[in-house]
PDB file of N, CA and C in Angstrom:
ATOM      1  N   MET A   1     314.585  98.243 -75.925  1.00  0.00           N
ATOM      2  CA  MET A   1     315.217  96.941 -75.845  1.00  0.00           C
ATOM      3  C   MET A   1     315.817  96.717 -74.454  1.00  0.00           C
ATOM      4  N   ILE A   2     316.610  97.687 -74.000  1.00  0.00           N
ATOM      5  CA  ILE A   2     317.241  97.572 -72.686  1.00  0.00           C
ATOM      6  C   ILE A   2     316.184  97.596 -71.587  1.00  0.00           C
ATOM      7  N   ALA A   3     315.170  98.448 -71.762  1.00  0.00           N
ATOM      8  CA  ALA A   3     314.121  98.551 -70.746  1.00  0.00           C
ATOM      9  C   ALA A   3     313.347  97.245 -70.635  1.00  0.00           C
ATOM     10  N   SER A   4     313.073  96.601 -71.762  1.00  0.00           N
ATOM     11  CA  SER A   4     312.343  95.332 -71.710  1.00  0.00           C
ATOM     12  C   SER A   4     313.202  94.234 -71.090  1.00  0.00           C
ATOM     13  N   LEU A   5     314.516  94.266 -71.331  1.00  0.00           N
ATOM     14  CA  LEU A   5     315.413  93.291 -70.719  1.00  0.00           C
ATOM     15  C   LEU A   5     315.464  93.476 -69.207  1.00  0.00           C
ATOM     16  N   LEU A   6     315.555  94.733 -68.763  1.00  0.00           N
ATOM     17  CA  LEU A   6     315.563  95.003 -67.325  1.00  0.00           C
ATOM     18  C   LEU A   6     314.242  94.611 -66.682  1.00  0.00           C
ATOM     19  N   SER A   7     313.151  94.850 -67.381  1.00  0.00           N
ATOM     20  CA  SER A   7     311.841  94.452 -66.871  1.00  0.00           C
ATOM     21  C   SER A   7     311.748  92.933 -66.742  1.00  0.00           C
ATOM     22  N   PHE A   8     312.262  92.217 -67.732  1.00  0.00           N
ATOM     23  CA  PHE A   8     312.256  90.750 -67.690  1.00  0.00           C
ATOM     24  C   PHE A   8     313.081  90.241 -66.514  1.00  0.00           C
ATOM     25  N   ILE A   9     314.252  90.850 -66.303  1.00  0.00           N
ATOM     26  CA  ILE A   9     315.114  90.428 -65.202  1.00  0.00           C
ATOM     27  C   ILE A   9     314.441  90.689 -63.861  1.00  0.00           C
ATOM     28  N   GLN A  10     313.784  91.841 -63.716  1.00  0.00           N
ATOM     29  CA  GLN A  10     313.103  92.152 -62.464  1.00  0.00           C
ATOM     30  C   GLN A  10     311.947  91.198 -62.202  1.00  0.00           C
ATOM     31  N   GLN A  11     311.228  90.808 -63.241  1.00  0.00           N
ATOM     32  CA  GLN A  11     310.088  89.911 -63.066  1.00  0.00           C
ATOM     33  C   GLN A  11     310.522  88.488 -62.742  1.00  0.00           C
ATOM     34  N   HIS A  12     311.684  88.085 -63.221  1.00  0.00           N
ATOM     35  CA  HIS A  12     312.122  86.702 -63.065  1.00  0.00           C
ATOM     36  C   HIS A  12     313.401  86.587 -62.233  1.00  0.00           C
ATOM     37  N   LEU A  13     313.593  87.482 -61.303  1.00  0.00           N
ATOM     38  CA  LEU A  13     314.824  87.517 -60.523  1.00  0.00           C
ATOM     39  C   LEU A  13     315.000  86.248 -59.687  1.00  0.00           C
ATOM     40  N   GLU A  14     313.933  85.745 -59.092  1.00  0.00           N
ATOM     41  CA  GLU A  14     314.035  84.531 -58.281  1.00  0.00           C
ATOM     42  C   GLU A  14     314.460  83.339 -59.126  1.00  0.00           C
ATOM     43  N   LEU A  15     313.903  83.215 -60.325  1.00  0.00           N
ATOM     44  CA  LEU A  15     314.280  82.107 -61.202  1.00  0.00           C
ATOM     45  C   LEU A  15     315.739  82.216 -61.636  1.00  0.00           C
ATOM     46  N   ILE A  16     316.198  83.431 -61.869  1.00  0.00           N
ATOM     47  CA  ILE A  16     317.598  83.630 -62.251  1.00  0.00           C
ATOM     48  C   ILE A  16     318.516  83.214 -61.106  1.00  0.00           C
ATOM     49  N   TYR A  17     318.154  83.567 -59.865  1.00  0.00           N
ATOM     50  CA  TYR A  17     318.939  83.140 -58.711  1.00  0.00           C
ATOM     51  C   TYR A  17     318.961  81.621 -58.597  1.00  0.00           C
ATOM     52  N   ILE A  18     317.832  80.981 -58.821  1.00  0.00           N
ATOM     53  CA  ILE A  18     317.762  79.520 -58.732  1.00  0.00           C
ATOM     54  C   ILE A  18     318.660  78.870 -59.774  1.00  0.00           C
ATOM     55  N   VAL A  19     318.653  79.390 -60.994  1.00  0.00           N
ATOM     56  CA  VAL A  19     319.506  78.827 -62.050  1.00  0.00           C
ATOM     57  C   VAL A  19     320.978  78.998 -61.695  1.00  0.00           C
ATOM     58  N   ILE A  20     321.354  80.175 -61.228  1.00  0.00           N
ATOM     59  CA  ILE A  20     322.760  80.423 -60.878  1.00  0.00           C
ATOM     60  C   ILE A  20     323.195  79.513 -59.727  1.00  0.00           C
ATOM     61  N   LEU A  21     322.371  79.409 -58.691  1.00  0.00           N
ATOM     62  CA  LEU A  21     322.710  78.526 -57.574  1.00  0.00           C
ATOM     63  C   LEU A  21     322.745  77.065 -58.008  1.00  0.00           C
ATOM     64  N   SER A  22     321.865  76.667 -58.924  1.00  0.00           N
ATOM     65  CA  SER A  22     321.866  75.292 -59.429  1.00  0.00           C
ATOM     66  C   SER A  22     323.148  74.977 -60.180  1.00  0.00           C
ATOM     67  N   VAL A  23     323.645  75.938 -60.931  1.00  0.00           N
ATOM     68  CA  VAL A  23     324.907  75.728 -61.654  1.00  0.00           C
ATOM     69  C   VAL A  23     326.042  75.493 -60.665  1.00  0.00           C
ATOM     70  N   PHE A  24     326.152  76.344 -59.653  1.00  0.00           N
ATOM     71  CA  PHE A  24     327.223  76.171 -58.672  1.00  0.00           C
ATOM     72  C   PHE A  24     327.059  74.877 -57.881  1.00  0.00           C
ATOM     73  N   LEU A  25     325.835  74.540 -57.509  1.00  0.00           N
ATOM     74  CA  LEU A  25     325.593  73.298 -56.786  1.00  0.00           C
ATOM     75  C   LEU A  25     325.943  72.090 -57.654  1.00  0.00           C
ATOM     76  N   GLY A  26     325.565  72.123 -58.922  1.00  0.00           N
ATOM     77  CA  GLY A  26     325.887  71.022 -59.829  1.00  0.00           C
ATOM     78  C   GLY A  26     327.380  70.840 -59.994  1.00  0.00           C
ATOM     79  N   ILE A  27     328.104  71.936 -60.143  1.00  0.00           N
ATOM     80  CA  ILE A  27     329.564  71.850 -60.273  1.00  0.00           C
ATOM     81  C   ILE A  27     330.171  71.260 -59.005  1.00  0.00           C
ATOM     82  N   GLU A  28     329.675  71.683 -57.861  1.00  0.00           N
ATOM     83  CA  GLU A  28     330.208  71.187 -56.593  1.00  0.00           C
ATOM     84  C   GLU A  28     329.916  69.697 -56.413  1.00  0.00           C
ATOM     85  N   VAL A  29     328.713  69.271 -56.744  1.00  0.00           N
ATOM     86  CA  VAL A  29     328.342  67.860 -56.591  1.00  0.00           C
ATOM     87  C   VAL A  29     329.137  66.984 -57.555  1.00  0.00           C
ATOM     88  N   ILE A  30     329.235  67.386 -58.809  1.00  0.00           N
ATOM     89  CA  ILE A  30     329.928  66.582 -59.812  1.00  0.00           C
ATOM     90  C   ILE A  30     331.420  66.493 -59.508  1.00  0.00           C
ATOM     91  N   SER A  31     332.002  67.559 -58.994  1.00  0.00           N
ATOM     92  CA  SER A  31     333.446  67.529 -58.721  1.00  0.00           C
ATOM     93  C   SER A  31     333.789  66.594 -57.569  1.00  0.00           C
ATOM     94  N   ARG A  32     332.833  66.250 -56.734  1.00  0.00           N
ATOM     95  CA  ARG A  32     333.092  65.382 -55.590  1.00  0.00           C
ATOM     96  C   ARG A  32     332.741  63.916 -55.856  1.00  0.00           C
ATOM     97  N   VAL A  33     332.349  63.585 -57.065  1.00  0.00           N
ATOM     98  CA  VAL A  33     332.006  62.200 -57.393  1.00  0.00           C
ATOM     99  C   VAL A  33     333.296  61.407 -57.576  1.00  0.00           C
ATOM    100  N   PRO A  34     333.421  60.247 -56.920  1.00  0.00           N
ATOM    101  CA  PRO A  34     334.622  59.431 -57.135  1.00  0.00           C
ATOM    102  C   PRO A  34     334.692  58.939 -58.580  1.00  0.00           C
ATOM    103  N   SER A  35     335.902  58.705 -59.054  1.00  0.00           N
ATOM    104  CA  SER A  35     336.075  58.317 -60.457  1.00  0.00           C
ATOM    105  C   SER A  35     335.421  56.980 -60.772  1.00  0.00           C
ATOM    106  N   VAL A  36     335.197  56.138 -59.782  1.00  0.00           N
ATOM    107  CA  VAL A  36     334.527  54.853 -60.012  1.00  0.00           C
ATOM    108  C   VAL A  36     333.080  55.069 -60.449  1.00  0.00           C
ATOM    109  N   LEU A  37     332.483  56.146 -60.008  1.00  0.00           N
ATOM    110  CA  LEU A  37     331.069  56.387 -60.292  1.00  0.00           C
ATOM    111  C   LEU A  37     330.826  57.250 -61.521  1.00  0.00           C
ATOM    112  N   HIS A  38     331.868  57.620 -62.254  1.00  0.00           N
ATOM    113  CA  HIS A  38     331.663  58.504 -63.405  1.00  0.00           C
ATOM    114  C   HIS A  38     330.873  57.832 -64.522  1.00  0.00           C
ATOM    115  N   THR A  39     331.068  56.530 -64.742  1.00  0.00           N
ATOM    116  CA  THR A  39     330.322  55.846 -65.807  1.00  0.00           C
ATOM    117  C   THR A  39     328.831  55.809 -65.505  1.00  0.00           C
ATOM    118  N   PRO A  40     328.402  55.419 -64.290  1.00  0.00           N
ATOM    119  CA  PRO A  40     326.962  55.496 -64.009  1.00  0.00           C
ATOM    120  C   PRO A  40     326.429  56.925 -64.050  1.00  0.00           C
ATOM    121  N   LEU A  41     327.265  57.879 -63.671  1.00  0.00           N
ATOM    122  CA  LEU A  41     326.848  59.278 -63.720  1.00  0.00           C
ATOM    123  C   LEU A  41     326.620  59.714 -65.159  1.00  0.00           C
ATOM    124  N   MET A  42     327.479  59.272 -66.069  1.00  0.00           N
ATOM    125  CA  MET A  42     327.299  59.604 -67.485  1.00  0.00           C
ATOM    126  C   MET A  42     326.025  58.965 -68.029  1.00  0.00           C
ATOM    127  N   SER A  43     325.735  57.749 -67.600  1.00  0.00           N
ATOM    128  CA  SER A  43     324.506  57.101 -68.054  1.00  0.00           C
ATOM    129  C   SER A  43     323.282  57.858 -67.550  1.00  0.00           C
ATOM    130  N   GLY A  44     323.353  58.341 -66.326  1.00  0.00           N
ATOM    131  CA  GLY A  44     322.250  59.153 -65.812  1.00  0.00           C
ATOM    132  C   GLY A  44     322.100  60.458 -66.565  1.00  0.00           C
ATOM    133  N   ALA A  45     323.225  61.060 -66.932  1.00  0.00           N
ATOM    134  CA  ALA A  45     323.171  62.291 -67.729  1.00  0.00           C
ATOM    135  C   ALA A  45     322.558  62.022 -69.097  1.00  0.00           C
ATOM    136  N   ASN A  46     322.842  60.862 -69.668  1.00  0.00           N
ATOM    137  CA  ASN A  46     322.227  60.507 -70.952  1.00  0.00           C
ATOM    138  C   ASN A  46     320.714  60.387 -70.813  1.00  0.00           C
ATOM    139  N   ALA A  47     320.252  59.835 -69.700  1.00  0.00           N
ATOM    140  CA  ALA A  47     318.810  59.733 -69.476  1.00  0.00           C
ATOM    141  C   ALA A  47     318.182  61.119 -69.337  1.00  0.00           C
ATOM    142  N   ILE A  48     318.868  62.023 -68.669  1.00  0.00           N
ATOM    143  CA  ILE A  48     318.355  63.388 -68.531  1.00  0.00           C
ATOM    144  C   ILE A  48     318.277  64.066 -69.889  1.00  0.00           C
ATOM    145  N   HIS A  49     319.266  63.817 -70.749  1.00  0.00           N
ATOM    146  CA  HIS A  49     319.227  64.408 -72.084  1.00  0.00           C
ATOM    147  C   HIS A  49     318.071  63.838 -72.898  1.00  0.00           C
ATOM    148  N   GLY A  50     317.697  62.601 -72.618  1.00  0.00           N
ATOM    149  CA  GLY A  50     316.508  62.045 -73.265  1.00  0.00           C
ATOM    150  C   GLY A  50     315.259  62.821 -72.880  1.00  0.00           C
ATOM    151  N   VAL A  51     315.180  63.251 -71.625  1.00  0.00           N
ATOM    152  CA  VAL A  51     314.050  64.063 -71.179  1.00  0.00           C
ATOM    153  C   VAL A  51     314.073  65.422 -71.875  1.00  0.00           C
ATOM    154  N   VAL A  52     315.261  65.968 -72.102  1.00  0.00           N
ATOM    155  CA  VAL A  52     315.385  67.240 -72.821  1.00  0.00           C
ATOM    156  C   VAL A  52     314.848  67.095 -74.241  1.00  0.00           C
ATOM    157  N   ILE A  53     315.139  65.979 -74.877  1.00  0.00           N
ATOM    158  CA  ILE A  53     314.639  65.740 -76.235  1.00  0.00           C
ATOM    159  C   ILE A  53     313.116  65.692 -76.236  1.00  0.00           C
ATOM    160  N   ILE A  54     312.545  65.006 -75.262  1.00  0.00           N
ATOM    161  CA  ILE A  54     311.080  64.932 -75.176  1.00  0.00           C
ATOM    162  C   ILE A  54     310.493  66.321 -74.958  1.00  0.00           C
ATOM    163  N   GLY A  55     311.125  67.125 -74.107  1.00  0.00           N
ATOM    164  CA  GLY A  55     310.656  68.492 -73.888  1.00  0.00           C
ATOM    165  C   GLY A  55     310.716  69.333 -75.145  1.00  0.00           C
ATOM    166  N   ALA A  56     311.781  69.171 -75.922  1.00  0.00           N
ATOM    167  CA  ALA A  56     311.901  69.926 -77.175  1.00  0.00           C
ATOM    168  C   ALA A  56     310.829  69.501 -78.171  1.00  0.00           C
ATOM    169  N   ILE A  57     310.523  68.224 -78.207  1.00  0.00           N
ATOM    170  CA  ILE A  57     309.464  67.745 -79.104  1.00  0.00           C
ATOM    171  C   ILE A  57     308.114  68.316 -78.683  1.00  0.00           C
ATOM    172  N   ILE A  58     307.862  68.366 -77.388  1.00  0.00           N
ATOM    173  CA  ILE A  58     306.599  68.931 -76.893  1.00  0.00           C
ATOM    174  C   ILE A  58     306.510  70.415 -77.231  1.00  0.00           C
ATOM    175  N   VAL A  59     307.614  71.148 -77.055  1.00  0.00           N
ATOM    176  CA  VAL A  59     307.616  72.581 -77.388  1.00  0.00           C
ATOM    177  C   VAL A  59     307.341  72.778 -78.867  1.00  0.00           C
ATOM    178  N   MET A  60     307.960  71.960 -79.703  1.00  0.00           N
ATOM    179  CA  MET A  60     307.718  72.082 -81.146  1.00  0.00           C
ATOM    180  C   MET A  60     306.263  71.768 -81.487  1.00  0.00           C
ATOM    181  N   GLY A  61     305.688  70.796 -80.804  1.00  0.00           N
ATOM    182  CA  GLY A  61     304.299  70.433 -81.076  1.00  0.00           C
ATOM    183  C   GLY A  61     303.313  71.492 -80.638  1.00  0.00           C
ATOM    184  N   GLU A  62     303.636  72.222 -79.580  1.00  0.00           N
ATOM    185  CA  GLU A  62     302.735  73.248 -79.058  1.00  0.00           C
ATOM    186  C   GLU A  62     302.941  74.607 -79.713  1.00  0.00           C
ATOM    187  N   ALA A  63     304.038  74.784 -80.435  1.00  0.00           N
ATOM    188  CA  ALA A  63     304.330  76.085 -81.046  1.00  0.00           C
ATOM    189  C   ALA A  63     303.389  76.341 -82.216  1.00  0.00           C
ATOM    190  N   PRO A  64     302.924  77.574 -82.363  1.00  0.00           N
ATOM    191  CA  PRO A  64     302.091  77.899 -83.525  1.00  0.00           C
ATOM    192  C   PRO A  64     302.895  77.744 -84.816  1.00  0.00           C
ATOM    193  N   ALA A  65     302.207  77.437 -85.890  1.00  0.00           N
ATOM    194  CA  ALA A  65     302.883  77.175 -87.165  1.00  0.00           C
ATOM    195  C   ALA A  65     303.596  78.408 -87.707  1.00  0.00           C
ATOM    196  N   ASP A  66     303.155  79.598 -87.323  1.00  0.00           N
ATOM    197  CA  ASP A  66     303.801  80.809 -87.840  1.00  0.00           C
ATOM    198  C   ASP A  66     304.954  81.301 -86.957  1.00  0.00           C
ATOM    199  N   ASN A  67     305.216  80.625 -85.846  1.00  0.00           N
ATOM    200  CA  ASN A  67     306.321  80.996 -84.960  1.00  0.00           C
ATOM    201  C   ASN A  67     307.566  80.208 -85.381  1.00  0.00           C
ATOM    202  N   TYR A  68     308.260  80.748 -86.373  1.00  0.00           N
ATOM    203  CA  TYR A  68     309.400  80.041 -86.942  1.00  0.00           C
ATOM    204  C   TYR A  68     310.562  79.934 -85.963  1.00  0.00           C
ATOM    205  N   LEU A  69     310.728  80.929 -85.110  1.00  0.00           N
ATOM    206  CA  LEU A  69     311.828  80.900 -84.149  1.00  0.00           C
ATOM    207  C   LEU A  69     311.683  79.714 -83.193  1.00  0.00           C
ATOM    208  N   ALA A  70     310.478  79.514 -82.667  1.00  0.00           N
ATOM    209  CA  ALA A  70     310.252  78.391 -81.754  1.00  0.00           C
ATOM    210  C   ALA A  70     310.449  77.059 -82.463  1.00  0.00           C
ATOM    211  N   LEU A  71     310.006  76.977 -83.710  1.00  0.00           N
ATOM    212  CA  LEU A  71     310.155  75.728 -84.455  1.00  0.00           C
ATOM    213  C   LEU A  71     311.621  75.432 -84.766  1.00  0.00           C
ATOM    214  N   VAL A  72     312.363  76.455 -85.165  1.00  0.00           N
ATOM    215  CA  VAL A  72     313.781  76.247 -85.484  1.00  0.00           C
ATOM    216  C   VAL A  72     314.567  75.897 -84.223  1.00  0.00           C
ATOM    217  N   LEU A  73     314.315  76.613 -83.125  1.00  0.00           N
ATOM    218  CA  LEU A  73     315.020  76.315 -81.878  1.00  0.00           C
ATOM    219  C   LEU A  73     314.648  74.931 -81.350  1.00  0.00           C
ATOM    220  N   GLY A  74     313.381  74.560 -81.461  1.00  0.00           N
ATOM    221  CA  GLY A  74     312.967  73.219 -81.057  1.00  0.00           C
ATOM    222  C   GLY A  74     313.628  72.147 -81.898  1.00  0.00           C
ATOM    223  N   PHE A  75     313.701  72.381 -83.208  1.00  0.00           N
ATOM    224  CA  PHE A  75     314.348  71.423 -84.102  1.00  0.00           C
ATOM    225  C   PHE A  75     315.827  71.281 -83.759  1.00  0.00           C
ATOM    226  N   LEU A  76     316.499  72.413 -83.535  1.00  0.00           N
ATOM    227  CA  LEU A  76     317.915  72.361 -83.149  1.00  0.00           C
ATOM    228  C   LEU A  76     318.102  71.643 -81.813  1.00  0.00           C
ATOM    229  N   ALA A  77     317.183  71.869 -80.875  1.00  0.00           N
ATOM    230  CA  ALA A  77     317.279  71.197 -79.579  1.00  0.00           C
ATOM    231  C   ALA A  77     317.124  69.693 -79.735  1.00  0.00           C
ATOM    232  N   VAL A  78     316.215  69.264 -80.602  1.00  0.00           N
ATOM    233  CA  VAL A  78     316.032  67.825 -80.827  1.00  0.00           C
ATOM    234  C   VAL A  78     317.283  67.230 -81.465  1.00  0.00           C
ATOM    235  N   ILE A  79     317.816  67.885 -82.487  1.00  0.00           N
ATOM    236  CA  ILE A  79     318.999  67.363 -83.178  1.00  0.00           C
ATOM    237  C   ILE A  79     320.206  67.322 -82.240  1.00  0.00           C
ATOM    238  N   LEU A  80     320.483  68.430 -81.563  1.00  0.00           N
ATOM    239  CA  LEU A  80     321.653  68.482 -80.684  1.00  0.00           C
ATOM    240  C   LEU A  80     321.491  67.568 -79.470  1.00  0.00           C
ATOM    241  N   GLY A  81     320.280  67.473 -78.934  1.00  0.00           N
ATOM    242  CA  GLY A  81     320.040  66.551 -77.828  1.00  0.00           C
ATOM    243  C   GLY A  81     320.239  65.106 -78.242  1.00  0.00           C
ATOM    244  N   THR A  82     319.784  64.766 -79.447  1.00  0.00           N
ATOM    245  CA  THR A  82     319.972  63.406 -79.949  1.00  0.00           C
ATOM    246  C   THR A  82     321.456  63.101 -80.135  1.00  0.00           C
ATOM    247  N   LEU A  83     322.189  64.044 -80.708  1.00  0.00           N
ATOM    248  CA  LEU A  83     323.635  63.847 -80.860  1.00  0.00           C
ATOM    249  C   LEU A  83     324.313  63.681 -79.503  1.00  0.00           C
ATOM    250  N   ASN A  84     323.861  64.423 -78.511  1.00  0.00           N
ATOM    251  CA  ASN A  84     324.439  64.331 -77.174  1.00  0.00           C
ATOM    252  C   ASN A  84     324.165  62.968 -76.548  1.00  0.00           C
ATOM    253  N   VAL A  85     322.941  62.471 -76.702  1.00  0.00           N
ATOM    254  CA  VAL A  85     322.597  61.163 -76.138  1.00  0.00           C
ATOM    255  C   VAL A  85     323.404  60.065 -76.815  1.00  0.00           C
ATOM    256  N   VAL A  86     323.427  60.075 -78.142  1.00  0.00           N
ATOM    257  CA  VAL A  86     324.154  59.033 -78.875  1.00  0.00           C
ATOM    258  C   VAL A  86     325.647  59.098 -78.552  1.00  0.00           C
ATOM    259  N   GLY A  87     326.205  60.295 -78.560  1.00  0.00           N
ATOM    260  CA  GLY A  87     327.622  60.439 -78.221  1.00  0.00           C
ATOM    261  C   GLY A  87     327.927  59.994 -76.802  1.00  0.00           C
ATOM    262  N   GLY A  88     327.037  60.289 -75.878  1.00  0.00           N
ATOM    263  CA  GLY A  88     327.236  59.858 -74.494  1.00  0.00           C
ATOM    264  C   GLY A  88     327.230  58.356 -74.352  1.00  0.00           C
ATOM    265  N   PHE A  89     326.315  57.689 -75.061  1.00  0.00           N
ATOM    266  CA  PHE A  89     326.285  56.234 -74.994  1.00  0.00           C
ATOM    267  C   PHE A  89     327.506  55.617 -75.673  1.00  0.00           C
ATOM    268  N   VAL A  90     327.989  56.225 -76.746  1.00  0.00           N
ATOM    269  CA  VAL A  90     329.200  55.716 -77.411  1.00  0.00           C
ATOM    270  C   VAL A  90     330.403  55.837 -76.481  1.00  0.00           C
ATOM    271  N   VAL A  91     330.537  56.982 -75.824  1.00  0.00           N
ATOM    272  CA  VAL A  91     331.659  57.175 -74.902  1.00  0.00           C
ATOM    273  C   VAL A  91     331.545  56.215 -73.725  1.00  0.00           C
ATOM    274  N   THR A  92     330.335  56.041 -73.183  1.00  0.00           N
ATOM    275  CA  THR A  92     330.140  55.109 -72.075  1.00  0.00           C
ATOM    276  C   THR A  92     330.487  53.696 -72.496  1.00  0.00           C
ATOM    277  N   ASP A  93     330.079  53.297 -73.693  1.00  0.00           N
ATOM    278  CA  ASP A  93     330.389  51.958 -74.186  1.00  0.00           C
ATOM    279  C   ASP A  93     331.895  51.771 -74.340  1.00  0.00           C
ATOM    280  N   ARG A  94     332.580  52.771 -74.846  1.00  0.00           N
ATOM    281  CA  ARG A  94     334.039  52.673 -74.986  1.00  0.00           C
ATOM    282  C   ARG A  94     334.717  52.561 -73.627  1.00  0.00           C
ATOM    283  N   MET A  95     334.209  53.315 -72.649  1.00  0.00           N
ATOM    284  CA  MET A  95     334.795  53.235 -71.314  1.00  0.00           C
ATOM    285  C   MET A  95     334.583  51.856 -70.712  1.00  0.00           C
ATOM    286  N   LEU A  96     333.399  51.290 -70.903  1.00  0.00           N
ATOM    287  CA  LEU A  96     333.130  49.957 -70.370  1.00  0.00           C
ATOM    288  C   LEU A  96     333.969  48.901 -71.075  1.00  0.00           C
ATOM    289  N   GLU A  97     334.244  49.076 -72.355  1.00  0.00           N
ATOM    290  CA  GLU A  97     335.104  48.140 -73.087  1.00  0.00           C
ATOM    291  C   GLU A  97     336.520  48.142 -72.524  1.00  0.00           C
ATOM    292  N   MET A  98     336.983  49.273 -72.020  1.00  0.00           N
ATOM    293  CA  MET A  98     338.333  49.337 -71.458  1.00  0.00           C
ATOM    294  C   MET A  98     338.455  48.478 -70.209  1.00  0.00           C
ATOM    295  N   PHE A  99     337.362  48.303 -69.467  1.00  0.00           N
ATOM    296  CA  PHE A  99     337.421  47.575 -68.212  1.00  0.00           C
ATOM    297  C   PHE A  99     337.148  46.089 -68.366  1.00  0.00           C
ATOM    298  N   LYS A 100     336.762  45.645 -69.549  1.00  0.00           N
ATOM    299  CA  LYS A 100     336.540  44.218 -69.769  1.00  0.00           C
ATOM    300  C   LYS A 100     337.881  43.514 -69.894  1.00  0.00           C
ATOM    301  N   SER A 101     337.896  42.246 -69.456  1.00  0.00           N
ATOM    302  CA  SER A 101     339.134  41.487 -69.622  1.00  0.00           C
ATOM    303  C   SER A 101     339.282  41.073 -71.078  1.00  0.00           C
ATOM    304  N   LYS A 102     340.473  40.724 -71.468  1.00  0.00           N
ATOM    305  CA  LYS A 102     340.750  40.386 -72.868  1.00  0.00           C
ATOM    306  C   LYS A 102     339.953  39.162 -73.317  1.00  0.00           C
ATOM    307  N   SER A 103     339.697  38.201 -72.421  1.00  0.00           N
ATOM    308  CA  SER A 103     338.967  36.990 -72.813  1.00  0.00           C
ATOM    309  C   SER A 103     337.490  37.275 -73.057  1.00  0.00           C
ATOM    310  N   GLN A 104     336.944  38.305 -72.417  1.00  0.00           N
ATOM    311  CA  GLN A 104     335.537  38.643 -72.608  1.00  0.00           C
ATOM    312  C   GLN A 104     335.315  39.519 -73.821  1.00  0.00           C
ATOM    313  N   ASN A 105     336.340  40.180 -74.311  1.00  0.00           N
ATOM    314  CA  ASN A 105     336.199  41.123 -75.413  1.00  0.00           C
ATOM    315  C   ASN A 105     336.122  40.369 -76.734  1.00  0.00           C
ATOM    316  N   PRO A 106     334.973  40.392 -77.433  1.00  0.00           N
ATOM    317  CA  PRO A 106     334.856  39.639 -78.686  1.00  0.00           C
ATOM    318  C   PRO A 106     335.662  40.255 -79.820  1.00  0.00           C
ATOM    319  N   ASN A 107     336.127  41.462 -79.668  1.00  0.00           N
ATOM    320  CA  ASN A 107     336.886  42.122 -80.728  1.00  0.00           C
ATOM    321  C   ASN A 107     338.388  42.038 -80.512  1.00  0.00           C
ATOM    322  N   SER A 108     338.820  41.113 -79.657  1.00  0.00           N
ATOM    323  CA  SER A 108     340.254  41.026 -79.394  1.00  0.00           C
ATOM    324  C   SER A 108     340.987  40.501 -80.618  1.00  0.00           C
ATOM    325  N   LYS A 109     342.282  40.777 -80.686  1.00  0.00           N
ATOM    326  CA  LYS A 109     343.074  40.431 -81.867  1.00  0.00           C
ATOM    327  C   LYS A 109     343.195  38.926 -82.057  1.00  0.00           C
ATOM    328  N   SER A 110     343.225  38.158 -80.969  1.00  0.00           N
ATOM    329  CA  SER A 110     343.390  36.712 -81.110  1.00  0.00           C
ATOM    330  C   SER A 110     342.180  36.080 -81.787  1.00  0.00           C
ATOM    331  N   GLN A 111     340.985  36.554 -81.486  1.00  0.00           N
ATOM    332  CA  GLN A 111     339.795  35.984 -82.112  1.00  0.00           C
ATOM    333  C   GLN A 111     339.650  36.436 -83.552  1.00  0.00           C
ATOM    334  N   THR A 112     340.024  37.664 -83.859  1.00  0.00           N
ATOM    335  CA  THR A 112     339.914  38.114 -85.243  1.00  0.00           C
ATOM    336  C   THR A 112     340.951  37.429 -86.112  1.00  0.00           C
ATOM    337  N   ALA A 113     342.097  37.072 -85.538  1.00  0.00           N
ATOM    338  CA  ALA A 113     343.115  36.358 -86.308  1.00  0.00           C
ATOM    339  C   ALA A 113     342.662  34.931 -86.601  1.00  0.00           C
ATOM    340  N   LYS A 114     341.929  34.297 -85.664  1.00  0.00           N
ATOM    341  CA  LYS A 114     341.433  32.934 -85.877  1.00  0.00           C
ATOM    342  C   LYS A 114     340.374  32.888 -86.965  1.00  0.00           C
ATOM    343  N   SER A 115     339.578  33.939 -87.068  1.00  0.00           N
ATOM    344  CA  SER A 115     338.492  33.927 -88.049  1.00  0.00           C
ATOM    345  C   SER A 115     338.986  34.138 -89.467  1.00  0.00           C
ATOM    346  N   LYS A 116     340.205  34.628 -89.646  1.00  0.00           N
ATOM    347  CA  LYS A 116     340.737  34.880 -90.995  1.00  0.00           C
ATOM    348  C   LYS A 116     341.310  33.673 -91.591  1.00  0.00           C
TER     349      LYS A 116
END
């Protein structure tokens, strides 16, 4: 078990370095984004998660029927990715609602009181 793990690490050392450097680069880039741009950044992240969902669907479609691990992991990736996309859009929508003026907000208390 340990020998196969070490062999895997030796064979894929460059990819491991790229992933580690990408994590640090991503943290550095995101931390320097001004707060005005966080909403568009979240929308872009939601689009990227949509690509993750498509990738998980492709993996599930290409997996052999007897490979239950790939099917279960693909299914979990689709479910969790979908929850992430929907949750991201809900949070983005709530943030945008905070910046609307009271006259533009159709759910304001004055309009709901008039309709009753």
